[in-house]
Every structure is written in structure tokens, then in C-alpha cells.
């Protein structure tokens, strides 16, 4: 299953990717270390300098329609 993630850096806009659960797990394991890390995303490969990664956000795959929940009372 693909996960939508965003990766934040020190001096550039965030990078949005769709990655497999395995690739996300490998990235999470590599965070906090130094050097380069390669991610195989749906759109292609990305090499990250881990020293510049500030945060990683995993987005929910919930599908939402409209602006909010409708309550039936």
C-alpha cells in the first residue's frame, strides 16, 4: 500500500512523495543518521541528504468529500 508523505528540509520547500510501507519504514530507520538515503517512490528514485531533513509527515489516506461531516439527527 502506498503512503503519501511530505519531507521538510532546512532551506527548501517540502517534498511530497508516494512511497510503499517498506520504503517509509526504511526512511524512518535512517532518520537521525548522516549521509545519503535513497527512496524508491512511485514517480522515481529520490536521494536525500539526511543531515538536511527536519521532519517527515505521513498523511492519512482517508478520502473526504465536501467540507465536513454531515450529521443525521
Protein backbone atom coordinates (compact mmCIF):
# COMPACT_ATOMS: atom_id res chain seq x y z
CA UNK A 1 0.00 0.00 0.00
CA UNK A 2 1.35 3.43 -0.90
CA UNK A 3 1.67 6.16 1.70
CA UNK A 4 1.62 9.88 1.00
CA UNK A 5 4.48 11.60 2.80
CA UNK A 6 6.00 15.07 2.92
CA UNK A 7 9.63 15.66 3.82
CA UNK A 8 10.71 19.03 5.22
CA UNK A 9 14.20 20.47 4.73
CA UNK A 10 16.23 23.31 6.20
CA UNK A 11 16.35 25.60 3.19
CA UNK A 12 13.80 24.44 0.61
CA UNK A 13 10.09 23.69 0.26
CA UNK A 14 8.78 20.28 1.41
CA UNK A 15 8.95 17.33 -0.96
CA UNK A 16 5.74 15.30 -1.41
CA UNK A 17 6.04 11.64 -2.40
CA UNK A 18 4.02 8.42 -2.54
CA UNK A 19 6.06 5.54 -1.14
CA UNK A 20 5.46 1.93 -0.11
CA UNK A 21 5.15 0.97 3.55
CA UNK A 22 8.58 -0.67 3.28
CA UNK A 23 10.22 2.46 1.89
CA UNK A 24 8.65 4.57 4.64
CA UNK A 25 9.95 2.14 7.28
CA UNK A 26 13.47 2.31 5.79
CA UNK A 27 13.35 6.11 5.79
CA UNK A 28 12.17 6.22 9.40
CA UNK A 29 15.01 3.88 10.40
CA UNK A 30 17.55 6.09 8.60
CA UNK A 31 16.39 9.36 10.19
CA UNK A 32 18.85 10.72 12.73
CA UNK A 33 21.84 9.30 10.89
CA UNK A 34 24.09 11.09 8.44
CA UNK A 35 24.85 10.59 4.77
CA UNK A 36 22.60 9.88 1.83
CA UNK A 37 19.44 7.78 1.71
CA UNK A 38 17.66 6.64 -1.46
CA UNK A 39 13.87 6.35 -1.58
CA UNK A 40 12.08 4.48 -4.35
CA UNK A 41 8.87 6.48 -4.81
CA UNK A 42 6.04 5.91 -7.30
CA UNK A 43 7.40 8.69 -9.52
CA UNK A 44 11.03 7.55 -9.38
CA UNK A 45 14.02 7.50 -7.05
CA UNK A 46 14.98 10.31 -4.71
CA UNK A 47 18.29 10.64 -2.86
CA UNK A 48 18.16 12.62 0.37
CA UNK A 49 20.96 14.14 2.38
CA UNK A 50 19.73 13.08 5.83
CA UNK A 51 21.59 15.95 7.54
CA UNK A 52 19.10 18.38 5.95
CA UNK A 53 15.85 16.53 6.75
CA UNK A 54 13.92 18.33 9.51
CA UNK A 55 10.67 16.38 9.54
CA UNK A 56 8.62 13.68 7.79
CA UNK A 57 4.83 13.80 7.77
CA UNK A 58 2.74 10.76 6.90
CA UNK A 59 -0.63 11.78 5.52
CA UNK A 60 -3.85 9.91 6.06
CA UNK A 61 -5.30 8.14 3.03
CA UNK A 62 -8.85 8.87 4.13
CA UNK A 63 -10.97 10.05 1.26
CA UNK A 64 -13.01 13.09 2.14
CA UNK A 65 -15.70 14.75 0.11
CA UNK A 66 -17.02 18.20 0.86
CA UNK A 67 -16.15 20.49 3.73
CA UNK A 68 -17.19 18.46 6.76
CA UNK A 69 -19.24 15.66 8.15
CA UNK A 70 -22.99 15.78 7.85
CA UNK A 71 -24.84 14.79 10.97
CA UNK A 72 -28.11 12.99 10.70
CA UNK A 73 -30.12 13.53 13.74
